[in-house]
C-alpha cells in the first residue's frame, strides 16, 4: 500500500470513477442503479461534495489510476436528516483484498471528525460478506434488513442497513 495515495476526488477522476462504478451497475446487484453513469451525471454528483463538511469523497490512487473511492452524502433530502449521512465505498474489481477499503474509510471518517454529523448509515445489498466485514470493522451495527426491496437481473435483493454513531 505504500505506493497508494488517498486524496480528495477531483473532476479529472470522473472517467475512472465511472469505469469502476459502471462495472458494478452492469455486473452486480451491489448498486441498484440500472443505467451506467455518464461523465455529466458524475460531474453533477461531485459538485455537491466538498473538501470540508458532511459530504466528502476520497479516491485511492496508484500513479494516475483510481483504484477506488469512499464518499459520504446526504441520507435523505429532508432537513431533519441533515446530520445523518450515507457512506459508501467502491473498489476497482481487481483492487480488493489489499486494505484499500479500510484506508479509504479511515481517511473519510478522519475528515468527518469534528463535522456536524451524528450518524453514518450504510445500505448493503445481500449477500456481500466483504462489505459487511468492512463496515463492522468501523463500528457499524446492523439495524435491520429490507427484504426483496430492489429488483435487478430479474430477481429481488435484500438490503441490510447499518449505522454508526459519530
N, C-alpha and C. Protein backbone atom coordinates (compact mmCIF):
# COMPACT_ATOMS: atom_id res chain seq x y z
N UNK A 1 0.81 -1.20 0.00
CA UNK A 1 0.00 0.00 0.00
C UNK A 1 0.85 1.26 0.00
N UNK A 2 2.14 1.13 0.16
CA UNK A 2 2.99 2.32 0.21
C UNK A 2 2.99 3.08 -1.12
N UNK A 3 2.61 2.42 -2.21
CA UNK A 3 2.56 3.10 -3.49
C UNK A 3 1.17 3.64 -3.82
N UNK A 4 0.27 3.62 -2.83
CA UNK A 4 -1.09 4.12 -3.00
C UNK A 4 -1.25 5.40 -2.18
N UNK A 5 -1.84 6.41 -2.79
CA UNK A 5 -2.13 7.64 -2.07
C UNK A 5 -3.64 7.84 -2.03
N UNK A 6 -4.11 8.57 -1.03
CA UNK A 6 -5.53 8.87 -0.89
C UNK A 6 -5.67 10.38 -0.84
N UNK A 7 -6.56 10.89 -1.68
CA UNK A 7 -6.77 12.34 -1.73
C UNK A 7 -8.23 12.60 -2.06
N UNK A 8 -8.63 13.90 -1.93
CA UNK A 8 -9.97 14.29 -2.31
C UNK A 8 -10.19 14.04 -3.80
N UNK A 9 -11.40 13.71 -4.15
CA UNK A 9 -11.76 13.48 -5.53
C UNK A 9 -11.83 14.80 -6.29
N UNK A 10 -11.34 14.79 -7.52
CA UNK A 10 -11.41 15.97 -8.40
C UNK A 10 -12.11 15.56 -9.70
N UNK A 11 -12.53 16.55 -10.45
CA UNK A 11 -13.30 16.29 -11.67
C UNK A 11 -12.56 15.39 -12.65
N UNK A 12 -11.25 15.48 -12.70
CA UNK A 12 -10.47 14.66 -13.62
C UNK A 12 -10.57 13.16 -13.30
N UNK A 13 -11.00 12.82 -12.09
CA UNK A 13 -11.15 11.42 -11.68
C UNK A 13 -12.42 10.78 -12.22
N UNK A 14 -13.35 11.59 -12.68
CA UNK A 14 -14.68 11.10 -13.04
C UNK A 14 -14.67 9.96 -14.06
N UNK A 15 -13.92 10.01 -15.16
CA UNK A 15 -13.97 8.88 -16.10
C UNK A 15 -13.57 7.54 -15.45
N UNK A 16 -12.55 7.56 -14.59
CA UNK A 16 -12.14 6.31 -13.95
C UNK A 16 -13.13 5.89 -12.86
N UNK A 17 -13.71 6.84 -12.14
CA UNK A 17 -14.75 6.52 -11.16
C UNK A 17 -15.92 5.86 -11.88
N UNK A 18 -16.32 6.43 -13.01
CA UNK A 18 -17.42 5.84 -13.77
C UNK A 18 -17.08 4.45 -14.29
N UNK A 19 -15.86 4.26 -14.71
CA UNK A 19 -15.46 2.93 -15.18
C UNK A 19 -15.66 1.89 -14.07
N UNK A 20 -15.26 2.23 -12.87
CA UNK A 20 -15.42 1.32 -11.73
C UNK A 20 -16.89 1.15 -11.39
N UNK A 21 -17.58 2.27 -11.21
CA UNK A 21 -18.98 2.21 -10.78
C UNK A 21 -19.86 1.53 -11.83
N UNK A 22 -19.62 1.84 -13.09
CA UNK A 22 -20.43 1.22 -14.14
C UNK A 22 -20.23 -0.29 -14.21
N UNK A 23 -19.06 -0.77 -13.81
CA UNK A 23 -18.86 -2.22 -13.69
C UNK A 23 -19.88 -2.79 -12.70
N UNK A 24 -20.03 -2.13 -11.54
CA UNK A 24 -20.97 -2.62 -10.53
C UNK A 24 -22.41 -2.47 -11.00
N UNK A 25 -22.70 -1.45 -11.78
CA UNK A 25 -24.05 -1.29 -12.33
C UNK A 25 -24.35 -2.43 -13.30
N UNK A 26 -23.43 -2.70 -14.21
CA UNK A 26 -23.67 -3.71 -15.26
C UNK A 26 -23.58 -5.14 -14.76
N UNK A 27 -22.67 -5.40 -13.82
CA UNK A 27 -22.32 -6.79 -13.48
C UNK A 27 -22.81 -7.30 -12.13
N UNK A 28 -23.24 -6.43 -11.22
CA UNK A 28 -23.57 -6.86 -9.86
C UNK A 28 -24.85 -6.21 -9.36
N UNK A 29 -25.43 -6.78 -8.31
CA UNK A 29 -26.57 -6.13 -7.65
C UNK A 29 -26.13 -5.17 -6.53
N UNK A 30 -24.84 -4.95 -6.37
CA UNK A 30 -24.33 -4.14 -5.25
C UNK A 30 -24.92 -2.74 -5.26
N UNK A 31 -25.12 -2.16 -6.43
CA UNK A 31 -25.85 -0.90 -6.54
C UNK A 31 -27.15 -1.18 -7.28
N UNK A 32 -28.19 -0.47 -6.90
CA UNK A 32 -29.46 -0.64 -7.60
C UNK A 32 -29.60 0.31 -8.78
N UNK A 33 -28.55 1.07 -9.09
CA UNK A 33 -28.57 1.80 -10.34
C UNK A 33 -28.63 0.77 -11.47
N UNK A 34 -29.36 1.12 -12.51
CA UNK A 34 -29.52 0.22 -13.65
C UNK A 34 -28.78 0.76 -14.87
N UNK A 35 -28.85 2.06 -15.07
CA UNK A 35 -28.23 2.69 -16.23
C UNK A 35 -26.83 3.19 -15.88
N UNK A 36 -25.86 2.90 -16.73
CA UNK A 36 -24.50 3.39 -16.48
C UNK A 36 -24.46 4.91 -16.33
N UNK A 37 -23.54 5.40 -15.52
CA UNK A 37 -23.37 6.84 -15.28
C UNK A 37 -22.53 7.45 -16.39
N UNK A 38 -22.92 8.64 -16.79
CA UNK A 38 -22.14 9.41 -17.74
C UNK A 38 -21.22 10.35 -16.96
N UNK A 39 -20.24 10.90 -17.65
CA UNK A 39 -19.36 11.87 -17.00
C UNK A 39 -20.16 13.09 -16.53
N UNK A 40 -21.17 13.47 -17.28
CA UNK A 40 -22.03 14.60 -16.88
C UNK A 40 -22.78 14.29 -15.59
N UNK A 41 -23.34 13.06 -15.47
CA UNK A 41 -24.02 12.66 -14.24
C UNK A 41 -23.08 12.79 -13.05
N UNK A 42 -21.89 12.28 -13.21
CA UNK A 42 -20.94 12.25 -12.10
C UNK A 42 -20.38 13.63 -11.78
N UNK A 43 -20.27 14.49 -12.77
CA UNK A 43 -19.81 15.86 -12.51
C UNK A 43 -20.84 16.58 -11.64
N UNK A 44 -22.11 16.38 -11.90
CA UNK A 44 -23.17 16.97 -11.08
C UNK A 44 -23.10 16.44 -9.65
N UNK A 45 -22.91 15.13 -9.51
CA UNK A 45 -22.78 14.49 -8.19
C UNK A 45 -21.58 15.07 -7.44
N UNK A 46 -20.45 15.18 -8.11
CA UNK A 46 -19.24 15.66 -7.46
C UNK A 46 -19.37 17.12 -7.01
N UNK A 47 -20.11 17.92 -7.74
CA UNK A 47 -20.31 19.32 -7.36
C UNK A 47 -21.01 19.46 -6.02
N UNK A 48 -21.76 18.45 -5.61
CA UNK A 48 -22.48 18.50 -4.33
C UNK A 48 -21.59 18.11 -3.15
N UNK A 49 -20.37 17.69 -3.44
CA UNK A 49 -19.44 17.26 -2.39
C UNK A 49 -18.41 18.35 -2.18
N UNK A 50 -17.66 18.26 -1.07
CA UNK A 50 -16.66 19.27 -0.81
C UNK A 50 -15.42 18.68 -0.17
N UNK A 51 -14.53 19.56 0.28
CA UNK A 51 -13.33 19.13 1.00
C UNK A 51 -13.48 19.39 2.49
N UNK A 52 -14.62 19.91 2.88
CA UNK A 52 -15.00 20.03 4.29
C UNK A 52 -16.50 19.77 4.35
N UNK A 53 -16.99 19.67 5.55
CA UNK A 53 -18.43 19.46 5.73
C UNK A 53 -18.80 18.00 5.79
N UNK A 54 -20.09 17.77 5.72
CA UNK A 54 -20.64 16.41 5.87
C UNK A 54 -20.44 15.53 4.66
N UNK A 55 -20.35 16.13 3.49
CA UNK A 55 -20.36 15.35 2.24
C UNK A 55 -19.02 15.50 1.54
N UNK A 56 -18.25 14.42 1.59
CA UNK A 56 -16.90 14.42 1.03
C UNK A 56 -16.66 13.12 0.27
N UNK A 57 -15.64 13.13 -0.58
CA UNK A 57 -15.30 11.93 -1.33
C UNK A 57 -13.79 11.86 -1.53
N UNK A 58 -13.23 10.69 -1.31
CA UNK A 58 -11.80 10.45 -1.45
C UNK A 58 -11.55 9.33 -2.44
N UNK A 59 -10.45 9.43 -3.18
CA UNK A 59 -10.03 8.38 -4.10
C UNK A 59 -8.71 7.79 -3.63
N UNK A 60 -8.54 6.50 -3.91
CA UNK A 60 -7.25 5.83 -3.71
C UNK A 60 -6.59 5.78 -5.08
N UNK A 61 -5.35 6.28 -5.14
CA UNK A 61 -4.63 6.39 -6.41
C UNK A 61 -3.35 5.57 -6.38
N UNK A 62 -3.07 4.91 -7.47
CA UNK A 62 -1.76 4.30 -7.69
C UNK A 62 -1.26 4.91 -8.99
N UNK A 63 -0.32 5.83 -8.87
CA UNK A 63 0.09 6.61 -10.03
C UNK A 63 -1.08 7.45 -10.50
N UNK A 64 -1.47 7.28 -11.76
CA UNK A 64 -2.61 8.01 -12.30
C UNK A 64 -3.90 7.18 -12.29
N UNK A 65 -3.86 6.00 -11.71
CA UNK A 65 -5.01 5.10 -11.73
C UNK A 65 -5.83 5.21 -10.46
N UNK A 66 -7.14 5.40 -10.62
CA UNK A 66 -8.07 5.36 -9.49
C UNK A 66 -8.35 3.89 -9.18
N UNK A 67 -8.06 3.50 -7.94
CA UNK A 67 -8.31 2.12 -7.51
C UNK A 67 -9.63 1.98 -6.77
N UNK A 68 -10.18 3.09 -6.30
CA UNK A 68 -11.45 3.06 -5.59
C UNK A 68 -11.73 4.40 -4.96
N UNK A 69 -12.89 4.49 -4.32
CA UNK A 69 -13.24 5.72 -3.63
C UNK A 69 -14.21 5.43 -2.50
N UNK A 70 -14.29 6.39 -1.56
CA UNK A 70 -15.24 6.34 -0.44
C UNK A 70 -15.85 7.72 -0.30
N UNK A 71 -17.16 7.77 -0.11
CA UNK A 71 -17.88 9.03 -0.05
C UNK A 71 -18.90 9.04 1.07
N UNK A 72 -19.21 10.25 1.50
CA UNK A 72 -20.34 10.49 2.38
C UNK A 72 -21.26 11.46 1.67
N UNK A 73 -22.54 11.21 1.74
CA UNK A 73 -23.51 12.08 1.09
C UNK A 73 -24.77 12.16 1.91
N UNK A 74 -25.71 12.91 1.40
CA UNK A 74 -26.99 13.08 2.10
C UNK A 74 -27.70 11.74 2.23
N UNK A 75 -28.27 11.51 3.41
CA UNK A 75 -29.07 10.29 3.60
C UNK A 75 -30.43 10.46 2.94
N UNK A 76 -31.11 11.54 3.24
CA UNK A 76 -32.40 11.88 2.64
C UNK A 76 -32.44 13.39 2.46
N UNK A 77 -33.25 13.88 1.54
CA UNK A 77 -33.25 15.32 1.27
C UNK A 77 -33.98 16.19 2.29
N UNK A 78 -34.68 15.61 3.24
CA UNK A 78 -35.43 16.42 4.21
C UNK A 78 -34.50 16.98 5.27
N UNK A 79 -34.76 18.22 5.69
CA UNK A 79 -33.86 18.97 6.57
C UNK A 79 -33.55 18.27 7.89
N UNK A 80 -34.49 17.58 8.46
CA UNK A 80 -34.26 16.93 9.76
C UNK A 80 -33.21 15.82 9.68
N UNK A 81 -32.92 15.34 8.46
CA UNK A 81 -31.92 14.30 8.27
C UNK A 81 -30.51 14.85 8.05
N UNK A 82 -30.33 16.16 8.05
CA UNK A 82 -29.06 16.73 7.60
C UNK A 82 -27.83 16.27 8.39
N UNK A 83 -27.98 15.85 9.64
CA UNK A 83 -26.81 15.38 10.39
C UNK A 83 -26.61 13.87 10.27
N UNK A 84 -27.41 13.23 9.43
CA UNK A 84 -27.22 11.82 9.11
C UNK A 84 -26.66 11.75 7.69
N UNK A 85 -25.65 10.93 7.50
CA UNK A 85 -25.04 10.77 6.18
C UNK A 85 -25.10 9.32 5.76
N UNK A 86 -25.07 9.10 4.47
CA UNK A 86 -24.93 7.74 3.94
C UNK A 86 -23.53 7.63 3.37
N UNK A 87 -22.86 6.54 3.69
CA UNK A 87 -21.49 6.34 3.22
C UNK A 87 -21.43 5.13 2.30
N UNK A 88 -20.45 5.17 1.40
CA UNK A 88 -20.23 4.02 0.51
C UNK A 88 -18.78 3.99 0.08
N UNK A 89 -18.36 2.81 -0.29
CA UNK A 89 -17.00 2.61 -0.79
C UNK A 89 -17.08 1.65 -1.97
N UNK A 90 -16.34 1.96 -3.02
CA UNK A 90 -16.26 1.11 -4.21
C UNK A 90 -14.81 0.95 -4.60
N UNK A 91 -14.45 -0.28 -4.94
CA UNK A 91 -13.09 -0.57 -5.40
C UNK A 91 -13.11 -1.13 -6.81
N UNK A 92 -12.07 -0.85 -7.56
CA UNK A 92 -11.93 -1.47 -8.87
C UNK A 92 -11.99 -2.99 -8.68
N UNK A 93 -12.55 -3.70 -9.65
CA UNK A 93 -12.73 -5.15 -9.49
C UNK A 93 -11.46 -5.91 -9.12
N UNK A 94 -10.31 -5.44 -9.54
CA UNK A 94 -9.05 -6.15 -9.23
C UNK A 94 -8.31 -5.55 -8.04
N UNK A 95 -8.96 -4.63 -7.30
CA UNK A 95 -8.26 -3.92 -6.22
C UNK A 95 -8.65 -4.40 -4.83
N UNK A 96 -9.52 -5.37 -4.71
CA UNK A 96 -9.96 -5.84 -3.40
C UNK A 96 -8.91 -6.66 -2.69
N UNK A 97 -9.08 -6.80 -1.38
CA UNK A 97 -8.21 -7.65 -0.58
C UNK A 97 -6.86 -7.06 -0.24
N UNK A 98 -6.67 -5.75 -0.46
CA UNK A 98 -5.38 -5.11 -0.18
C UNK A 98 -5.47 -4.05 0.91
N UNK A 99 -6.63 -3.94 1.55
CA UNK A 99 -6.80 -2.94 2.59
C UNK A 99 -7.19 -1.57 2.08
N UNK A 100 -7.55 -1.46 0.81
CA UNK A 100 -7.92 -0.16 0.26
C UNK A 100 -9.23 0.37 0.84
N UNK A 101 -10.20 -0.50 1.03
CA UNK A 101 -11.46 -0.08 1.64
C UNK A 101 -11.23 0.47 3.03
N UNK A 102 -10.41 -0.20 3.80
CA UNK A 102 -10.07 0.27 5.15
C UNK A 102 -9.35 1.61 5.09
N UNK A 103 -8.40 1.75 4.19
CA UNK A 103 -7.66 3.00 4.07
C UNK A 103 -8.58 4.14 3.65
N UNK A 104 -9.46 3.89 2.72
CA UNK A 104 -10.39 4.92 2.26
C UNK A 104 -11.36 5.34 3.37
N UNK A 105 -11.94 4.37 4.06
CA UNK A 105 -12.86 4.71 5.15
C UNK A 105 -12.13 5.41 6.29
N UNK A 106 -10.91 5.01 6.58
CA UNK A 106 -10.13 5.70 7.61
C UNK A 106 -9.98 7.17 7.25
N UNK A 107 -9.62 7.46 6.02
CA UNK A 107 -9.46 8.85 5.57
C UNK A 107 -10.78 9.61 5.61
N UNK A 108 -11.84 8.96 5.16
CA UNK A 108 -13.16 9.60 5.16
C UNK A 108 -13.61 9.93 6.58
N UNK A 109 -13.53 8.96 7.48
CA UNK A 109 -14.01 9.20 8.85
C UNK A 109 -13.09 10.17 9.60
N UNK A 110 -11.80 10.17 9.29
CA UNK A 110 -10.92 11.20 9.87
C UNK A 110 -11.36 12.59 9.41
N UNK A 111 -11.73 12.73 8.14
CA UNK A 111 -12.16 14.02 7.60
C UNK A 111 -13.49 14.45 8.21
N UNK A 112 -14.33 13.51 8.56
CA UNK A 112 -15.64 13.83 9.13
C UNK A 112 -15.57 14.14 10.63
N UNK A 113 -14.45 13.78 11.27
CA UNK A 113 -14.29 14.06 12.69
C UNK A 113 -14.38 15.57 12.92
N UNK A 114 -15.24 15.97 13.82
CA UNK A 114 -15.41 17.39 14.10
C UNK A 114 -16.47 18.07 13.25
N UNK A 115 -16.98 17.39 12.22
CA UNK A 115 -18.07 17.95 11.43
C UNK A 115 -19.39 17.69 12.15
N UNK A 116 -20.41 18.41 11.79
CA UNK A 116 -21.73 18.28 12.41
C UNK A 116 -22.47 17.08 11.81
N UNK A 117 -21.98 15.88 12.18
CA UNK A 117 -22.57 14.63 11.73
C UNK A 117 -22.86 13.78 12.95
N UNK A 118 -24.07 13.25 13.01
CA UNK A 118 -24.47 12.44 14.16
C UNK A 118 -24.44 10.95 13.86
N UNK A 119 -24.90 10.57 12.68
CA UNK A 119 -24.97 9.16 12.31
C UNK A 119 -24.46 8.96 10.90
N UNK A 120 -23.75 7.86 10.71
CA UNK A 120 -23.38 7.38 9.37
C UNK A 120 -24.20 6.13 9.12
N UNK A 121 -24.79 6.04 7.95
CA UNK A 121 -25.63 4.92 7.58
C UNK A 121 -25.07 4.28 6.32
N UNK A 122 -25.26 2.97 6.21
CA UNK A 122 -24.82 2.25 5.02
C UNK A 122 -25.85 1.19 4.69
N UNK A 123 -26.24 1.13 3.43
CA UNK A 123 -27.13 0.09 2.95
C UNK A 123 -26.33 -0.89 2.10
N UNK A 124 -26.40 -2.16 2.44
CA UNK A 124 -25.59 -3.17 1.76
C UNK A 124 -26.51 -4.24 1.16
N UNK A 125 -26.42 -4.39 -0.16
CA UNK A 125 -27.17 -5.44 -0.84
C UNK A 125 -26.59 -6.79 -0.42
N UNK A 126 -27.47 -7.72 -0.07
CA UNK A 126 -27.02 -9.03 0.39
C UNK A 126 -27.11 -10.05 -0.73
N UNK A 127 -26.16 -10.99 -0.78
CA UNK A 127 -25.01 -11.13 0.13
C UNK A 127 -23.84 -10.25 -0.30
N UNK A 128 -23.09 -9.79 0.66
CA UNK A 128 -21.87 -9.02 0.41
C UNK A 128 -20.99 -9.11 1.66
N UNK A 129 -20.36 -10.25 1.84
CA UNK A 129 -19.55 -10.54 3.02
C UNK A 129 -18.44 -9.51 3.23
N UNK A 130 -17.77 -9.11 2.17
CA UNK A 130 -16.65 -8.17 2.29
C UNK A 130 -17.11 -6.82 2.81
N UNK A 131 -18.19 -6.31 2.27
CA UNK A 131 -18.68 -5.00 2.70
C UNK A 131 -19.18 -5.06 4.14
N UNK A 132 -19.88 -6.12 4.50
CA UNK A 132 -20.34 -6.25 5.89
C UNK A 132 -19.16 -6.29 6.85
N UNK A 133 -18.13 -7.03 6.52
CA UNK A 133 -16.95 -7.11 7.38
C UNK A 133 -16.28 -5.74 7.51
N UNK A 134 -16.14 -5.02 6.41
CA UNK A 134 -15.53 -3.69 6.45
C UNK A 134 -16.33 -2.76 7.36
N UNK A 135 -17.63 -2.71 7.18
CA UNK A 135 -18.44 -1.80 7.99
C UNK A 135 -18.41 -2.18 9.47
N UNK A 136 -18.44 -3.45 9.77
CA UNK A 136 -18.38 -3.87 11.17
C UNK A 136 -17.02 -3.53 11.78
N UNK A 137 -15.95 -3.60 10.99
CA UNK A 137 -14.63 -3.19 11.46
C UNK A 137 -14.61 -1.73 11.88
N UNK A 138 -15.45 -0.92 11.25
CA UNK A 138 -15.53 0.50 11.56
C UNK A 138 -16.60 0.82 12.60
N UNK A 139 -17.13 -0.20 13.23
CA UNK A 139 -18.07 0.03 14.32
C UNK A 139 -19.52 0.18 13.91
N UNK A 140 -19.85 -0.16 12.69
CA UNK A 140 -21.24 -0.13 12.26
C UNK A 140 -21.98 -1.31 12.88
N UNK A 141 -23.23 -1.07 13.25
CA UNK A 141 -24.09 -2.11 13.81
C UNK A 141 -25.30 -2.30 12.89
N UNK A 142 -25.72 -3.54 12.77
CA UNK A 142 -26.90 -3.85 11.96
C UNK A 142 -28.13 -3.27 12.63
N UNK A 143 -29.00 -2.64 11.83
CA UNK A 143 -30.25 -2.12 12.38
C UNK A 143 -31.48 -2.73 11.72
N UNK A 144 -31.30 -3.43 10.63
CA UNK A 144 -32.43 -4.09 10.01
C UNK A 144 -32.17 -4.42 8.55
N UNK A 145 -33.03 -5.27 8.02
CA UNK A 145 -32.93 -5.68 6.62
C UNK A 145 -34.26 -5.46 5.94
N UNK A 146 -34.21 -4.77 4.81
CA UNK A 146 -35.39 -4.66 3.95
C UNK A 146 -35.37 -5.88 3.03
N UNK A 147 -36.42 -6.67 3.08
CA UNK A 147 -36.48 -7.89 2.27
C UNK A 147 -36.96 -7.57 0.86
N UNK A 148 -36.24 -8.12 -0.10
CA UNK A 148 -36.61 -8.03 -1.51
C UNK A 148 -37.03 -6.61 -1.90
N UNK A 149 -36.22 -5.63 -1.52
CA UNK A 149 -36.57 -4.23 -1.75
C UNK A 149 -36.14 -3.73 -3.12
N UNK A 150 -35.23 -4.40 -3.77
CA UNK A 150 -34.77 -3.97 -5.10
C UNK A 150 -34.81 -5.12 -6.09
N UNK A 151 -35.18 -4.80 -7.31
CA UNK A 151 -35.20 -5.83 -8.36
C UNK A 151 -34.17 -5.48 -9.42
N UNK A 152 -33.26 -6.41 -9.64
CA UNK A 152 -32.22 -6.25 -10.64
C UNK A 152 -31.83 -7.64 -11.13
N UNK A 153 -31.51 -7.74 -12.40
CA UNK A 153 -31.16 -9.02 -13.02
C UNK A 153 -32.27 -10.06 -12.83
N UNK A 154 -33.49 -9.61 -12.95
CA UNK A 154 -34.67 -10.48 -12.89
C UNK A 154 -34.83 -11.23 -11.56
N UNK A 155 -34.36 -10.61 -10.48
CA UNK A 155 -34.63 -11.18 -9.16
C UNK A 155 -34.65 -10.06 -8.13
N UNK A 156 -35.17 -10.36 -6.97
CA UNK A 156 -35.25 -9.39 -5.88
C UNK A 156 -34.09 -9.58 -4.92
N UNK A 157 -33.63 -8.46 -4.35
CA UNK A 157 -32.48 -8.45 -3.46
C UNK A 157 -32.84 -7.79 -2.13
N UNK A 158 -32.26 -8.31 -1.06
CA UNK A 158 -32.42 -7.73 0.28
C UNK A 158 -31.32 -6.69 0.50
N UNK A 159 -31.63 -5.69 1.33
CA UNK A 159 -30.64 -4.68 1.70
C UNK A 159 -30.60 -4.59 3.23
N UNK A 160 -29.41 -4.80 3.77
CA UNK A 160 -29.19 -4.65 5.20
C UNK A 160 -28.74 -3.22 5.47
N UNK A 161 -29.32 -2.62 6.49
CA UNK A 161 -28.92 -1.27 6.90
C UNK A 161 -28.11 -1.34 8.17
N UNK A 162 -27.04 -0.55 8.17
CA UNK A 162 -26.15 -0.46 9.32
C UNK A 162 -25.99 1.01 9.70
N UNK A 163 -25.67 1.25 10.97
CA UNK A 163 -25.45 2.63 11.41
C UNK A 163 -24.25 2.69 12.34
N UNK A 164 -23.68 3.90 12.40
CA UNK A 164 -22.54 4.17 13.26
C UNK A 164 -22.75 5.55 13.86
N UNK A 165 -22.61 5.65 15.16
CA UNK A 165 -22.68 6.93 15.85
C UNK A 165 -21.35 7.65 15.64
N UNK A 166 -21.41 8.92 15.23
CA UNK A 166 -20.19 9.70 15.03
C UNK A 166 -20.07 10.77 16.11
